[in-house]
Amino acid sequence: MATSRPYHHGNLREALVAGGVDLARTGGPAAVVLRAVSRRAGVSHNAAYRHFAGHEALLAAVAASCMNRLGRLMLARSAAVDLPDEVAAARARLDAIGRAYIDFALTEPGWFRTAFCGTSAAPRGEPDPASGLASGGEPGPEGSCGADPYAILSTHLDDLVRLGAFPPDRRPGAEYAAWSAVHGLSDLLVEGPLRGLSGAELRTAVEAVLSTVARGL
């Protein structure tokens, strides 16, 4: 049975979301239920309804927090790139966020499934109790994209255009193609027929998709 988690006065909502994030890590979106998170926070089921109208609202907040975690990993990997050549660095940062996305899916499948569980997105500015950031995060090193994966990808593509490494006329819609390729592989590796690939096969699949994205730019 889950142990209760005490919360500080006035922070019950954050405690409930944090409990949902904990449950999602091991059980995915199906594990995020109001009764379970209420028990983890050490409060009654009815107390949770003061902050969430129902299961869908709670799941949306937890999904936003999981998405925020993905975005923060992408930003961290991008910030770790240190190359003297600006164009090479911009390309390496794009590659880094793609690898971070796939790594997140493989190492945190519960959070990955929850982030993309199809529930209504939480409004931008939704507090993320795990990070102390809003769901949009704080401005990242490449601009004001915050921790939103879509905005992070878009900003990295814009950097390539700014540096003359990507033709401006091919920029519109490029984020859809790049995201679809990386997310598609991630989903196949977590949920689909590519589950259980050996280390060598996994590396081949990742390199093939990321190199295809890079060549398309």
Protein backbone atom coordinates (compact mmCIF):
# COMPACT_ATOMS: atom_id res chain seq x y z
CA MET A 1 0.00 0.00 0.00
CA ALA A 2 1.31 3.48 -0.87
CA THR A 3 2.60 5.49 2.04
CA SER A 4 1.09 8.87 2.72
CA ARG A 5 3.10 11.96 1.93
CA PRO A 6 2.57 14.95 4.24
CA TYR A 7 2.24 18.34 2.62
CA HIS A 8 2.77 21.89 3.79
CA HIS A 9 -0.29 23.99 4.40
CA GLY A 10 -1.48 25.61 1.19
CA ASN A 11 0.42 23.23 -1.08
CA LEU A 12 -2.06 20.36 -1.34
CA ARG A 13 -2.56 20.81 -5.05
CA GLU A 14 1.19 20.57 -5.68
CA ALA A 15 1.39 17.51 -3.42
CA LEU A 16 -1.38 15.80 -5.37
CA VAL A 17 0.34 16.45 -8.70
CA ALA A 18 3.67 15.27 -7.31
CA GLY A 19 2.00 12.09 -6.09
CA GLY A 20 0.49 11.58 -9.52
CA VAL A 21 3.90 12.01 -11.13
CA ASP A 22 5.31 9.36 -8.79
CA LEU A 23 2.52 6.94 -9.69
CA ALA A 24 2.87 7.66 -13.41
CA ARG A 25 6.56 6.81 -13.32
CA THR A 26 5.89 3.16 -12.63
CA GLY A 27 2.30 2.74 -13.81
CA GLY A 28 1.81 5.23 -16.62
CA PRO A 29 -1.38 7.28 -16.99
CA ALA A 30 -3.63 4.43 -15.80
CA ALA A 31 -2.06 4.68 -12.34
CA VAL A 32 -2.98 8.37 -11.92
CA VAL A 33 -6.27 8.28 -10.01
CA LEU A 34 -7.62 10.69 -7.43
CA ARG A 35 -8.00 8.16 -4.62
CA ALA A 36 -4.43 6.96 -4.98
CA VAL A 37 -2.87 10.42 -5.03
CA SER A 38 -5.06 11.47 -2.09
CA ARG A 39 -3.72 8.57 -0.06
CA ARG A 40 -0.16 9.49 -0.95
CA ALA A 41 -0.78 13.07 0.22
CA GLY A 42 -2.41 11.82 3.41
CA VAL A 43 -5.76 13.51 2.80
CA SER A 44 -9.31 12.40 2.14
CA HIS A 45 -10.58 11.75 -1.35
CA ASN A 46 -12.99 14.68 -1.01
CA ALA A 47 -10.12 17.06 -0.25
CA ALA A 48 -8.66 16.41 -3.70
CA TYR A 49 -11.87 17.64 -5.34
CA ARG A 50 -11.19 21.10 -3.97
CA HIS A 51 -8.31 21.32 -6.44
CA PHE A 52 -9.34 19.04 -9.31
CA ALA A 53 -12.82 18.67 -10.78
CA GLY A 54 -12.11 15.04 -11.54
CA HIS A 55 -9.70 12.46 -12.90
CA GLU A 56 -9.25 14.21 -16.24
CA ALA A 57 -8.12 17.46 -14.62
CA LEU A 58 -5.62 15.67 -12.39
CA LEU A 59 -4.25 13.63 -15.28
CA ALA A 60 -3.85 16.77 -17.41
CA ALA A 61 -1.76 18.41 -14.67
CA VAL A 62 0.38 15.29 -14.23
CA ALA A 63 0.83 14.97 -18.01
CA ALA A 64 1.99 18.59 -18.15
CA SER A 65 4.54 17.88 -15.42
CA CYS A 66 5.83 14.81 -17.29
CA MET A 67 6.09 16.84 -20.49
CA ASN A 68 8.00 19.48 -18.56
CA ARG A 69 10.49 16.85 -17.41
CA LEU A 70 11.05 15.79 -21.00
CA GLY A 71 11.63 19.38 -22.05
CA ARG A 72 14.07 20.02 -19.23
CA LEU A 73 16.12 16.98 -20.23
CA MET A 74 16.22 18.25 -23.82
CA LEU A 75 17.41 21.66 -22.63
CA ALA A 76 20.08 20.12 -20.39
CA ARG A 77 21.47 17.99 -23.21
CA SER A 78 21.44 20.95 -25.58
CA ALA A 79 23.22 23.17 -23.06
CA ALA A 80 25.96 20.54 -22.64
CA VAL A 81 27.06 20.95 -26.27
CA ASP A 82 30.32 22.89 -26.40
CA LEU A 83 31.76 23.32 -29.89
CA PRO A 84 33.65 26.36 -31.21
CA ASP A 85 31.98 26.36 -34.62
CA GLU A 86 28.50 27.90 -34.40
CA VAL A 87 26.96 25.84 -37.18
CA ALA A 88 28.44 22.58 -35.92
CA ALA A 89 27.23 23.45 -32.43
CA ALA A 90 23.70 24.20 -33.67
CA ARG A 91 23.56 20.88 -35.51
CA ALA A 92 24.93 19.07 -32.47
CA ARG A 93 22.30 20.70 -30.25
CA LEU A 94 19.53 19.54 -32.57
CA ASP A 95 20.94 16.03 -32.48
CA ALA A 96 21.23 16.23 -28.68
CA ILE A 97 17.59 17.11 -28.13
CA GLY A 98 16.52 14.26 -30.40
CA ARG A 99 18.63 11.79 -28.44
CA ALA A 100 17.32 13.21 -25.18
CA TYR A 101 13.75 12.65 -26.39
CA ILE A 102 14.45 9.01 -27.23
CA ASP A 103 16.40 8.45 -24.01
CA PHE A 104 13.53 9.85 -21.97
CA ALA A 105 11.09 7.46 -23.64
CA LEU A 106 13.34 4.47 -23.00
CA THR A 107 14.40 5.28 -19.44
CA GLU A 108 11.09 6.74 -18.22
CA PRO A 109 8.38 4.96 -20.25
CA GLY A 110 5.72 5.67 -17.61
CA TRP A 111 6.32 9.40 -17.79
CA PHE A 112 6.60 9.27 -21.58
CA ARG A 113 3.24 7.51 -21.92
CA THR A 114 1.65 9.94 -19.49
CA ALA A 115 3.03 13.03 -21.23
CA PHE A 116 1.36 11.90 -24.45
CA CYS A 117 -1.69 10.16 -23.02
CA GLY A 118 -4.10 12.27 -25.03
CA THR A 119 -5.67 14.15 -22.15
CA SER A 120 -6.34 17.85 -22.49
CA ALA A 121 -3.16 19.85 -22.06
CA ALA A 122 -2.83 21.82 -18.86
CA PRO A 123 -2.76 25.60 -19.36
CA ARG A 124 0.64 27.19 -19.77
CA GLY A 125 1.79 28.43 -16.40
CA GLU A 126 0.51 25.30 -14.61
CA PRO A 127 2.87 24.81 -11.64
CA ASP A 128 5.16 21.79 -11.82
CA PRO A 129 5.76 20.80 -8.19
CA ALA A 130 8.63 18.51 -9.13
CA SER A 131 10.67 21.25 -10.73
CA GLY A 132 9.52 24.53 -9.26
CA LEU A 133 8.85 25.69 -12.83
CA ALA A 134 5.66 26.49 -14.63
CA SER A 135 4.63 24.03 -17.33
CA GLY A 136 6.22 26.35 -19.84
CA GLY A 137 9.42 26.41 -17.79
CA GLU A 138 11.94 29.22 -17.64
CA PRO A 139 13.76 30.55 -20.69
CA GLY A 140 16.34 28.10 -21.89
CA PRO A 141 19.85 28.77 -23.17
CA GLU A 142 18.67 29.11 -26.77
CA GLY A 143 15.93 31.65 -26.08
CA SER A 144 12.54 31.89 -24.46
CA CYS A 145 11.28 28.44 -25.46
CA GLY A 146 11.13 27.25 -21.86
CA ALA A 147 10.65 23.54 -21.26
CA ASP A 148 8.04 22.96 -23.98
CA PRO A 149 9.49 20.24 -26.30
CA TYR A 150 7.73 21.65 -29.36
CA ALA A 151 9.06 25.15 -28.71
CA ILE A 152 12.54 23.79 -27.98
CA LEU A 153 12.64 21.99 -31.32
CA SER A 154 11.28 25.04 -33.16
CA THR A 155 13.88 27.31 -31.59
CA HIS A 156 16.73 24.95 -32.54
CA LEU A 157 15.51 24.86 -36.14
CA ASP A 158 15.27 28.66 -36.17
CA ASP A 159 18.89 28.81 -34.97
CA LEU A 160 19.96 26.77 -38.00
CA VAL A 161 18.14 29.18 -40.30
CA ARG A 162 19.72 32.17 -38.55
CA LEU A 163 23.18 30.66 -39.06
CA GLY A 164 22.54 29.94 -42.73
CA ALA A 165 22.63 26.16 -42.20
CA PHE A 166 19.00 25.59 -43.14
CA PRO A 167 17.27 27.29 -46.12
CA PRO A 168 14.52 29.64 -44.91
CA ASP A 169 12.11 28.42 -47.58
CA ARG A 170 12.29 24.90 -46.14
CA ARG A 171 11.77 26.00 -42.55
CA PRO A 172 7.93 26.17 -42.48
CA GLY A 173 6.60 22.92 -41.02
CA ALA A 174 10.02 21.34 -40.49
CA GLU A 175 9.28 20.86 -36.80
CA TYR A 176 6.35 18.58 -37.66
CA ALA A 177 8.49 16.29 -39.77
CA ALA A 178 11.37 16.19 -37.27
CA TRP A 179 9.13 15.62 -34.24
CA SER A 180 7.08 12.96 -36.01
CA ALA A 181 10.21 11.00 -36.90
CA VAL A 182 11.71 11.07 -33.41
CA HIS A 183 8.43 10.53 -31.60
CA GLY A 184 7.48 7.72 -33.95
CA LEU A 185 10.70 5.87 -33.23
CA SER A 186 10.33 6.48 -29.50
CA ASP A 187 6.79 5.13 -29.50
CA LEU A 188 7.81 2.05 -31.50
CA LEU A 189 10.62 1.38 -29.04
CA VAL A 190 8.38 1.76 -26.00
CA GLU A 191 5.00 0.44 -27.17
CA GLY A 192 5.47 -1.12 -30.58
CA PRO A 193 7.22 -3.94 -32.42
CA LEU A 194 10.68 -2.44 -31.85
CA ARG A 195 10.49 -3.16 -28.12
CA GLY A 196 13.37 -5.31 -26.98
CA LEU A 197 15.87 -4.35 -29.66
CA SER A 198 19.41 -5.34 -28.76
CA GLY A 199 21.95 -2.61 -27.97
CA ALA A 200 23.44 -2.69 -31.47
CA GLU A 201 20.06 -2.72 -33.20
CA LEU A 202 18.82 0.07 -30.98
CA ARG A 203 21.82 2.24 -31.82
CA THR A 204 21.30 1.53 -35.52
CA ALA A 205 17.65 2.57 -35.32
CA VAL A 206 18.43 5.78 -33.45
CA GLU A 207 21.27 6.75 -35.79
CA ALA A 208 19.16 6.01 -38.86
CA VAL A 209 16.29 8.24 -37.75
CA LEU A 210 18.41 11.13 -36.47
CA SER A 211 20.65 11.12 -39.53
CA THR A 212 17.57 11.10 -41.78
CA VAL A 213 16.22 14.14 -39.93
CA ALA A 214 19.56 15.91 -40.22
CA ARG A 215 19.84 15.19 -43.95
CA GLY A 216 16.35 16.52 -44.46
CA LEU A 217 17.56 19.88 -43.19
